[in-house]
Amino acid sequence: MVTLLGRQAVQNAVDISKSRLYRRIEAGTFPHPIKDGPRRSVWPSSEIEAIVAATIAGASDSELRELVVELERARTDPYQKLKAELDQAAA
C-alpha cells in the first residue's frame, strides 16, 4: 500500500536537510511534491523507496533524473486511464 509522506518524514527517510531536499528537487534528482493543501506537500512512499533504492545501487545524477521523470509521469497514468473510462462511459 502506498502512503503519503510529509516533508519531515521524507527528510527523515532520506536523512537530508530541508534545503538539500529542495536543491535536489531543483536539480531533478528528487521528485516534486504533491500539494495536499495550501501549506502541505507530500510524496508517495513508493517514490521515496525508489529513490533510496537507486541511490543505494549507486545511480548517477543523470540516472536519478531519468527515474524522477518516470516516477512523476506514472502519477498521471492512473488518472488518465480513469478519465478515459469515464469519458467513454458518458459517451
PDB file of N, CA and C in Angstrom:
ATOM      1  N   MET A   1       0.843  -1.182   0.000  1.00  0.00           N
ATOM      2  CA  MET A   1       0.000   0.000   0.000  1.00  0.00           C
ATOM      3  C   MET A   1       0.889   1.245   0.000  1.00  0.00           C
ATOM      4  N   VAL A   2       0.569   2.172  -0.860  1.00  0.00           N
ATOM      5  CA  VAL A   2       1.311   3.421  -0.937  1.00  0.00           C
ATOM      6  C   VAL A   2       0.717   4.404   0.069  1.00  0.00           C
ATOM      7  N   THR A   3       1.591   5.036   0.821  1.00  0.00           N
ATOM      8  CA  THR A   3       1.148   6.081   1.737  1.00  0.00           C
ATOM      9  C   THR A   3       1.768   7.397   1.300  1.00  0.00           C
ATOM     10  N   LEU A   4       1.229   8.483   1.806  1.00  0.00           N
ATOM     11  CA  LEU A   4       1.775   9.802   1.515  1.00  0.00           C
ATOM     12  C   LEU A   4       2.615  10.262   2.697  1.00  0.00           C
ATOM     13  N   LEU A   5       3.817  10.711   2.394  1.00  0.00           N
ATOM     14  CA  LEU A   5       4.746  11.156   3.432  1.00  0.00           C
ATOM     15  C   LEU A   5       4.909  12.668   3.377  1.00  0.00           C
ATOM     16  N   GLY A   6       4.816  13.299   4.529  1.00  0.00           N
ATOM     17  CA  GLY A   6       5.058  14.729   4.622  1.00  0.00           C
ATOM     18  C   GLY A   6       6.550  15.037   4.511  1.00  0.00           C
ATOM     19  N   ARG A   7       6.875  16.313   4.392  1.00  0.00           N
ATOM     20  CA  ARG A   7       8.260  16.724   4.202  1.00  0.00           C
ATOM     21  C   ARG A   7       9.178  16.221   5.298  1.00  0.00           C
ATOM     22  N   GLN A   8       8.776  16.334   6.535  1.00  0.00           N
ATOM     23  CA  GLN A   8       9.628  15.906   7.641  1.00  0.00           C
ATOM     24  C   GLN A   8       9.877  14.401   7.594  1.00  0.00           C
ATOM     25  N   ALA A   9       8.857  13.635   7.256  1.00  0.00           N
ATOM     26  CA  ALA A   9       9.026  12.187   7.145  1.00  0.00           C
ATOM     27  C   ALA A   9       9.975  11.837   5.999  1.00  0.00           C
ATOM     28  N   VAL A  10       9.885  12.581   4.905  1.00  0.00           N
ATOM     29  CA  VAL A  10      10.796  12.366   3.772  1.00  0.00           C
ATOM     30  C   VAL A  10      12.226  12.713   4.181  1.00  0.00           C
ATOM     31  N   GLN A  11      12.385  13.834   4.844  1.00  0.00           N
ATOM     32  CA  GLN A  11      13.715  14.225   5.309  1.00  0.00           C
ATOM     33  C   GLN A  11      14.311  13.154   6.213  1.00  0.00           C
ATOM     34  N   ASN A  12      13.506  12.597   7.094  1.00  0.00           N
ATOM     35  CA  ASN A  12      13.985  11.550   7.991  1.00  0.00           C
ATOM     36  C   ASN A  12      14.324  10.275   7.228  1.00  0.00           C
ATOM     37  N   ALA A  13      13.496   9.920   6.248  1.00  0.00           N
ATOM     38  CA  ALA A  13      13.721   8.697   5.481  1.00  0.00           C
ATOM     39  C   ALA A  13      14.990   8.772   4.647  1.00  0.00           C
ATOM     40  N   VAL A  14      15.280   9.952   4.115  1.00  0.00           N
ATOM     41  CA  VAL A  14      16.426  10.128   3.228  1.00  0.00           C
ATOM     42  C   VAL A  14      17.625  10.707   3.981  1.00  0.00           C
ATOM     43  N   ASP A  15      17.377  11.199   5.181  1.00  0.00           N
ATOM     44  CA  ASP A  15      18.413  11.779   6.038  1.00  0.00           C
ATOM     45  C   ASP A  15      19.113  12.966   5.385  1.00  0.00           C
ATOM     46  N   ILE A  16      18.293  13.964   4.961  1.00  0.00           N
ATOM     47  CA  ILE A  16      18.839  15.194   4.409  1.00  0.00           C
ATOM     48  C   ILE A  16      18.093  16.388   4.991  1.00  0.00           C
ATOM     49  N   SER A  17      18.718  17.535   4.898  1.00  0.00           N
ATOM     50  CA  SER A  17      18.104  18.759   5.408  1.00  0.00           C
ATOM     51  C   SER A  17      17.028  19.255   4.437  1.00  0.00           C
ATOM     52  N   LYS A  18      16.214  20.179   4.914  1.00  0.00           N
ATOM     53  CA  LYS A  18      15.158  20.763   4.085  1.00  0.00           C
ATOM     54  C   LYS A  18      15.760  21.456   2.867  1.00  0.00           C
ATOM     55  N   SER A  19      16.830  22.229   3.071  1.00  0.00           N
ATOM     56  CA  SER A  19      17.430  22.951   1.950  1.00  0.00           C
ATOM     57  C   SER A  19      18.034  21.987   0.933  1.00  0.00           C
ATOM     58  N   ARG A  20      18.665  20.927   1.395  1.00  0.00           N
ATOM     59  CA  ARG A  20      19.243  19.933   0.479  1.00  0.00           C
ATOM     60  C   ARG A  20      18.136  19.218  -0.295  1.00  0.00           C
ATOM     61  N   LEU A  21      17.025  18.920   0.366  1.00  0.00           N
ATOM     62  CA  LEU A  21      15.888  18.291  -0.294  1.00  0.00           C
ATOM     63  C   LEU A  21      15.417  19.146  -1.466  1.00  0.00           C
ATOM     64  N   TYR A  22      15.219  20.442  -1.219  1.00  0.00           N
ATOM     65  CA  TYR A  22      14.727  21.317  -2.274  1.00  0.00           C
ATOM     66  C   TYR A  22      15.775  21.588  -3.351  1.00  0.00           C
ATOM     67  N   ARG A  23      17.048  21.527  -3.003  1.00  0.00           N
ATOM     68  CA  ARG A  23      18.098  21.633  -4.030  1.00  0.00           C
ATOM     69  C   ARG A  23      18.064  20.415  -4.948  1.00  0.00           C
ATOM     70  N   ARG A  24      17.840  19.250  -4.365  1.00  0.00           N
ATOM     71  CA  ARG A  24      17.752  18.026  -5.180  1.00  0.00           C
ATOM     72  C   ARG A  24      16.514  18.059  -6.081  1.00  0.00           C
ATOM     73  N   ILE A  25      15.414  18.608  -5.588  1.00  0.00           N
ATOM     74  CA  ILE A  25      14.214  18.754  -6.416  1.00  0.00           C
ATOM     75  C   ILE A  25      14.520  19.679  -7.589  1.00  0.00           C
ATOM     76  N   GLU A  26      15.156  20.811  -7.314  1.00  0.00           N
ATOM     77  CA  GLU A  26      15.531  21.752  -8.371  1.00  0.00           C
ATOM     78  C   GLU A  26      16.471  21.113  -9.386  1.00  0.00           C
ATOM     79  N   ALA A  27      17.373  20.257  -8.924  1.00  0.00           N
ATOM     80  CA  ALA A  27      18.339  19.593  -9.806  1.00  0.00           C
ATOM     81  C   ALA A  27      17.703  18.449 -10.588  1.00  0.00           C
ATOM     82  N   GLY A  28      16.473  18.073 -10.219  1.00  0.00           N
ATOM     83  CA  GLY A  28      15.788  16.998 -10.921  1.00  0.00           C
ATOM     84  C   GLY A  28      16.158  15.607 -10.436  1.00  0.00           C
ATOM     85  N   THR A  29      16.868  15.529  -9.307  1.00  0.00           N
ATOM     86  CA  THR A  29      17.275  14.225  -8.786  1.00  0.00           C
ATOM     87  C   THR A  29      16.373  13.744  -7.653  1.00  0.00           C
ATOM     88  N   PHE A  30      15.276  14.455  -7.437  1.00  0.00           N
ATOM     89  CA  PHE A  30      14.299  14.070  -6.418  1.00  0.00           C
ATOM     90  C   PHE A  30      12.931  14.516  -6.921  1.00  0.00           C
ATOM     91  N   PRO A  31      11.892  13.702  -6.735  1.00  0.00           N
ATOM     92  CA  PRO A  31      10.561  14.056  -7.250  1.00  0.00           C
ATOM     93  C   PRO A  31       9.993  15.314  -6.610  1.00  0.00           C
ATOM     94  N   HIS A  32       9.215  16.057  -7.404  1.00  0.00           N
ATOM     95  CA  HIS A  32       8.488  17.203  -6.872  1.00  0.00           C
ATOM     96  C   HIS A  32       7.396  16.711  -5.922  1.00  0.00           C
ATOM     97  N   PRO A  33       7.074  17.492  -4.923  1.00  0.00           N
ATOM     98  CA  PRO A  33       5.994  17.084  -4.021  1.00  0.00           C
ATOM     99  C   PRO A  33       4.631  17.272  -4.671  1.00  0.00           C
ATOM    100  N   ILE A  34       3.657  16.655  -4.058  1.00  0.00           N
ATOM    101  CA  ILE A  34       2.258  16.829  -4.439  1.00  0.00           C
ATOM    102  C   ILE A  34       1.654  17.757  -3.391  1.00  0.00           C
ATOM    103  N   LYS A  35       0.965  18.795  -3.831  1.00  0.00           N
ATOM    104  CA  LYS A  35       0.331  19.708  -2.872  1.00  0.00           C
ATOM    105  C   LYS A  35      -0.912  19.029  -2.302  1.00  0.00           C
ATOM    106  N   ASP A  36      -0.961  18.964  -0.975  1.00  0.00           N
ATOM    107  CA  ASP A  36      -2.077  18.331  -0.281  1.00  0.00           C
ATOM    108  C   ASP A  36      -2.838  19.364   0.534  1.00  0.00           C
ATOM    109  N   GLY A  37      -2.741  20.593   0.112  1.00  0.00           N
ATOM    110  CA  GLY A  37      -3.370  21.701   0.803  1.00  0.00           C
ATOM    111  C   GLY A  37      -2.519  22.933   0.601  1.00  0.00           C
ATOM    112  N   PRO A  38      -2.987  24.062   1.083  1.00  0.00           N
ATOM    113  CA  PRO A  38      -2.240  25.302   0.842  1.00  0.00           C
ATOM    114  C   PRO A  38      -0.855  25.332   1.503  1.00  0.00           C
ATOM    115  N   ARG A  39      -0.668  24.578   2.572  1.00  0.00           N
ATOM    116  CA  ARG A  39       0.613  24.619   3.285  1.00  0.00           C
ATOM    117  C   ARG A  39       1.212  23.248   3.513  1.00  0.00           C
ATOM    118  N   ARG A  40       0.779  22.254   2.742  1.00  0.00           N
ATOM    119  CA  ARG A  40       1.270  20.894   2.969  1.00  0.00           C
ATOM    120  C   ARG A  40       1.671  20.249   1.644  1.00  0.00           C
ATOM    121  N   SER A  41       2.858  19.686   1.638  1.00  0.00           N
ATOM    122  CA  SER A  41       3.365  18.944   0.487  1.00  0.00           C
ATOM    123  C   SER A  41       3.642  17.513   0.921  1.00  0.00           C
ATOM    124  N   VAL A  42       3.340  16.569   0.045  1.00  0.00           N
ATOM    125  CA  VAL A  42       3.539  15.153   0.352  1.00  0.00           C
ATOM    126  C   VAL A  42       4.172  14.445  -0.842  1.00  0.00           C
ATOM    127  N   TRP A  43       4.744  13.291  -0.573  1.00  0.00           N
ATOM    128  CA  TRP A  43       5.336  12.435  -1.598  1.00  0.00           C
ATOM    129  C   TRP A  43       4.794  11.028  -1.409  1.00  0.00           C
ATOM    130  N   PRO A  44       4.506  10.316  -2.501  1.00  0.00           N
ATOM    131  CA  PRO A  44       4.134   8.903  -2.370  1.00  0.00           C
ATOM    132  C   PRO A  44       5.319   8.104  -1.822  1.00  0.00           C
ATOM    133  N   SER A  45       5.058   7.251  -0.856  1.00  0.00           N
ATOM    134  CA  SER A  45       6.135   6.467  -0.244  1.00  0.00           C
ATOM    135  C   SER A  45       6.865   5.611  -1.267  1.00  0.00           C
ATOM    136  N   SER A  46       6.147   5.152  -2.283  1.00  0.00           N
ATOM    137  CA  SER A  46       6.778   4.316  -3.313  1.00  0.00           C
ATOM    138  C   SER A  46       7.855   5.078  -4.074  1.00  0.00           C
ATOM    139  N   GLU A  47       7.647   6.381  -4.275  1.00  0.00           N
ATOM    140  CA  GLU A  47       8.648   7.190  -4.968  1.00  0.00           C
ATOM    141  C   GLU A  47       9.897   7.357  -4.112  1.00  0.00           C
ATOM    142  N   ILE A  48       9.704   7.568  -2.824  1.00  0.00           N
ATOM    143  CA  ILE A  48      10.851   7.730  -1.924  1.00  0.00           C
ATOM    144  C   ILE A  48      11.631   6.423  -1.857  1.00  0.00           C
ATOM    145  N   GLU A  49      10.913   5.305  -1.786  1.00  0.00           N
ATOM    146  CA  GLU A  49      11.581   3.995  -1.767  1.00  0.00           C
ATOM    147  C   GLU A  49      12.383   3.767  -3.036  1.00  0.00           C
ATOM    148  N   ALA A  50      11.845   4.186  -4.178  1.00  0.00           N
ATOM    149  CA  ALA A  50      12.548   4.015  -5.452  1.00  0.00           C
ATOM    150  C   ALA A  50      13.809   4.868  -5.505  1.00  0.00           C
ATOM    151  N   ILE A  51      13.733   6.100  -5.008  1.00  0.00           N
ATOM    152  CA  ILE A  51      14.895   6.988  -4.999  1.00  0.00           C
ATOM    153  C   ILE A  51      15.969   6.435  -4.062  1.00  0.00           C
ATOM    154  N   VAL A  52      15.565   5.985  -2.889  1.00  0.00           N
ATOM    155  CA  VAL A  52      16.524   5.422  -1.929  1.00  0.00           C
ATOM    156  C   VAL A  52      17.193   4.180  -2.526  1.00  0.00           C
ATOM    157  N   ALA A  53      16.412   3.296  -3.144  1.00  0.00           N
ATOM    158  CA  ALA A  53      16.970   2.085  -3.744  1.00  0.00           C
ATOM    159  C   ALA A  53      17.954   2.430  -4.852  1.00  0.00           C
ATOM    160  N   ALA A  54      17.617   3.404  -5.688  1.00  0.00           N
ATOM    161  CA  ALA A  54      18.514   3.811  -6.776  1.00  0.00           C
ATOM    162  C   ALA A  54      19.793   4.418  -6.220  1.00  0.00           C
ATOM    163  N   THR A  55      19.677   5.208  -5.169  1.00  0.00           N
ATOM    164  CA  THR A  55      20.851   5.817  -4.546  1.00  0.00           C
ATOM    165  C   THR A  55      21.756   4.745  -3.959  1.00  0.00           C
ATOM    166  N   ILE A  56      21.173   3.780  -3.271  1.00  0.00           N
ATOM    167  CA  ILE A  56      21.948   2.674  -2.694  1.00  0.00           C
ATOM    168  C   ILE A  56      22.656   1.889  -3.801  1.00  0.00           C
ATOM    169  N   ALA A  57      21.973   1.742  -4.945  1.00  0.00           N
ATOM    170  CA  ALA A  57      22.545   0.997  -6.061  1.00  0.00           C
ATOM    171  C   ALA A  57      23.629   1.787  -6.794  1.00  0.00           C
ATOM    172  N   GLY A  58      23.829   3.040  -6.398  1.00  0.00           N
ATOM    173  CA  GLY A  58      24.888   3.845  -6.997  1.00  0.00           C
ATOM    174  C   GLY A  58      24.484   4.583  -8.257  1.00  0.00           C
ATOM    175  N   ALA A  59      23.201   4.884  -8.402  1.00  0.00           N
ATOM    176  CA  ALA A  59      22.728   5.598  -9.587  1.00  0.00           C
ATOM    177  C   ALA A  59      23.393   6.965  -9.689  1.00  0.00           C
ATOM    178  N   SER A  60      23.742   7.337 -10.903  1.00  0.00           N
ATOM    179  CA  SER A  60      24.326   8.654 -11.159  1.00  0.00           C
ATOM    180  C   SER A  60      23.213   9.706 -11.142  1.00  0.00           C
ATOM    181  N   ASP A  61      23.596  10.975 -11.146  1.00  0.00           N
ATOM    182  CA  ASP A  61      22.594  12.036 -11.182  1.00  0.00           C
ATOM    183  C   ASP A  61      21.731  11.942 -12.436  1.00  0.00           C
ATOM    184  N   SER A  62      22.331  11.610 -13.569  1.00  0.00           N
ATOM    185  CA  SER A  62      21.534  11.505 -14.798  1.00  0.00           C
ATOM    186  C   SER A  62      20.556  10.332 -14.701  1.00  0.00           C
ATOM    187  N   GLU A  63      20.966   9.238 -14.080  1.00  0.00           N
ATOM    188  CA  GLU A  63      20.059   8.106 -13.884  1.00  0.00           C
ATOM    189  C   GLU A  63      18.938   8.472 -12.920  1.00  0.00           C
ATOM    190  N   LEU A  64      19.265   9.229 -11.884  1.00  0.00           N
ATOM    191  CA  LEU A  64      18.227   9.676 -10.948  1.00  0.00           C
ATOM    192  C   LEU A  64      17.240  10.599 -11.644  1.00  0.00           C
ATOM    193  N   ARG A  65      17.740  11.493 -12.510  1.00  0.00           N
ATOM    194  CA  ARG A  65      16.841  12.383 -13.255  1.00  0.00           C
ATOM    195  C   ARG A  65      15.864  11.576 -14.117  1.00  0.00           C
ATOM    196  N   GLU A  66      16.377  10.550 -14.789  1.00  0.00           N
ATOM    197  CA  GLU A  66      15.510   9.697 -15.610  1.00  0.00           C
ATOM    198  C   GLU A  66      14.462   9.001 -14.747  1.00  0.00           C
ATOM    199  N   LEU A  67      14.880   8.515 -13.593  1.00  0.00           N
ATOM    200  CA  LEU A  67      13.949   7.856 -12.681  1.00  0.00           C
ATOM    201  C   LEU A  67      12.875   8.830 -12.213  1.00  0.00           C
ATOM    202  N   VAL A  68      13.272  10.044 -11.876  1.00  0.00           N
ATOM    203  CA  VAL A  68      12.315  11.055 -11.412  1.00  0.00           C
ATOM    204  C   VAL A  68      11.284  11.346 -12.499  1.00  0.00           C
ATOM    205  N   VAL A  69      11.726  11.473 -13.736  1.00  0.00           N
ATOM    206  CA  VAL A  69      10.788  11.715 -14.848  1.00  0.00           C
ATOM    207  C   VAL A  69       9.784  10.565 -14.939  1.00  0.00           C
ATOM    208  N   GLU A  70      10.263   9.337 -14.848  1.00  0.00           N
ATOM    209  CA  GLU A  70       9.377   8.169 -14.904  1.00  0.00           C
ATOM    210  C   GLU A  70       8.401   8.157 -13.738  1.00  0.00           C
ATOM    211  N   LEU A  71       8.901   8.439 -12.536  1.00  0.00           N
ATOM    212  CA  LEU A  71       8.033   8.424 -11.353  1.00  0.00           C
ATOM    213  C   LEU A  71       6.947   9.482 -11.459  1.00  0.00           C
ATOM    214  N   GLU A  72       7.322  10.686 -11.880  1.00  0.00           N
ATOM    215  CA  GLU A  72       6.338  11.767 -11.966  1.00  0.00           C
ATOM    216  C   GLU A  72       5.344  11.519 -13.101  1.00  0.00           C
ATOM    217  N   ARG A  73       5.793  10.916 -14.188  1.00  0.00           N
ATOM    218  CA  ARG A  73       4.891  10.582 -15.295  1.00  0.00           C
ATOM    219  C   ARG A  73       3.885   9.523 -14.839  1.00  0.00           C
ATOM    220  N   ALA A  74       4.342   8.573 -14.041  1.00  0.00           N
ATOM    221  CA  ALA A  74       3.464   7.496 -13.568  1.00  0.00           C
ATOM    222  C   ALA A  74       2.352   8.018 -12.665  1.00  0.00           C
ATOM    223  N   ARG A  75       2.548   9.168 -12.076  1.00  0.00           N
ATOM    224  CA  ARG A  75       1.490   9.747 -11.227  1.00  0.00           C
ATOM    225  C   ARG A  75       0.230  10.016 -12.022  1.00  0.00           C
ATOM    226  N   THR A  76       0.370  10.443 -13.251  1.00  0.00           N
ATOM    227  CA  THR A  76      -0.802  10.823 -14.045  1.00  0.00           C
ATOM    228  C   THR A  76      -1.417   9.660 -14.793  1.00  0.00           C
ATOM    229  N   ASP A  77      -0.689   8.573 -14.981  1.00  0.00           N
ATOM    230  CA  ASP A  77      -1.212   7.439 -15.743  1.00  0.00           C
ATOM    231  C   ASP A  77      -2.528   6.886 -15.192  1.00  0.00           C
ATOM    232  N   PRO A  78      -2.634   6.568 -13.898  1.00  0.00           N
ATOM    233  CA  PRO A  78      -3.910   6.039 -13.395  1.00  0.00           C
ATOM    234  C   PRO A  78      -5.066   7.035 -13.573  1.00  0.00           C
ATOM    235  N   TYR A  79      -4.775   8.314 -13.390  1.00  0.00           N
ATOM    236  CA  TYR A  79      -5.807   9.337 -13.561  1.00  0.00           C
ATOM    237  C   TYR A  79      -6.268   9.395 -15.014  1.00  0.00           C
ATOM    238  N   GLN A  80      -5.311   9.370 -15.941  1.00  0.00           N
ATOM    239  CA  GLN A  80      -5.664   9.440 -17.360  1.00  0.00           C
ATOM    240  C   GLN A  80      -6.503   8.237 -17.773  1.00  0.00           C
ATOM    241  N   LYS A  81      -6.171   7.053 -17.278  1.00  0.00           N
ATOM    242  CA  LYS A  81      -6.940   5.850 -17.601  1.00  0.00           C
ATOM    243  C   LYS A  81      -8.366   5.962 -17.065  1.00  0.00           C
ATOM    244  N   LEU A  82      -8.498   6.407 -15.820  1.00  0.00           N
ATOM    245  CA  LEU A  82      -9.823   6.556 -15.218  1.00  0.00           C
ATOM    246  C   LEU A  82     -10.638   7.604 -15.968  1.00  0.00           C
ATOM    247  N   LYS A  83     -10.011   8.710 -16.301  1.00  0.00           N
ATOM    248  CA  LYS A  83     -10.700   9.769 -17.038  1.00  0.00           C
ATOM    249  C   LYS A  83     -11.193   9.252 -18.375  1.00  0.00           C
ATOM    250  N   ALA A  84     -10.373   8.497 -19.099  1.00  0.00           N
ATOM    251  CA  ALA A  84     -10.759   7.944 -20.387  1.00  0.00           C
ATOM    252  C   ALA A  84     -11.946   6.996 -20.238  1.00  0.00           C
ATOM    253  N   GLU A  85     -11.917   6.154 -19.201  1.00  0.00           N
ATOM    254  CA  GLU A  85     -13.024   5.230 -18.956  1.00  0.00           C
ATOM    255  C   GLU A  85     -14.312   5.988 -18.645  1.00  0.00           C
ATOM    256  N   LEU A  86     -14.232   7.035 -17.843  1.00  0.00           N
ATOM    257  CA  LEU A  86     -15.422   7.819 -17.502  1.00  0.00           C
ATOM    258  C   LEU A  86     -15.953   8.549 -18.738  1.00  0.00           C
ATOM    259  N   ASP A  87     -15.049   9.104 -19.544  1.00  0.00           N
ATOM    260  CA  ASP A  87     -15.466   9.794 -20.768  1.00  0.00           C
ATOM    261  C   ASP A  87     -16.153   8.823 -21.716  1.00  0.00           C
ATOM    262  N   GLN A  88     -15.600   7.613 -21.805  1.00  0.00           N
ATOM    263  CA  GLN A  88     -16.165   6.595 -22.703  1.00  0.00           C
ATOM    264  C   GLN A  88     -17.544   6.145 -22.205  1.00  0.00           C
ATOM    265  N   ALA A  89     -17.680   6.010 -20.904  1.00  0.00           N
ATOM    266  CA  ALA A  89     -18.961   5.591 -20.323  1.00  0.00           C
ATOM    267  C   ALA A  89     -20.030   6.673 -20.524  1.00  0.00           C
ATOM    268  N   ALA A  90     -19.608   7.926 -20.491  1.00  0.00           N
ATOM    269  CA  ALA A  90     -20.551   9.027 -20.634  1.00  0.00           C
ATOM    270  C   ALA A  90     -20.987   9.214 -22.096  1.00  0.00           C
ATOM    271  N   ALA A  91     -20.185   8.715 -23.022  1.00  0.00           N
ATOM    272  CA  ALA A  91     -20.484   8.901 -24.455  1.00  0.00           C
ATOM    273  C   ALA A  91     -21.567   7.970 -24.952  1.00  0.00           C
TER     274      ALA A  91
END
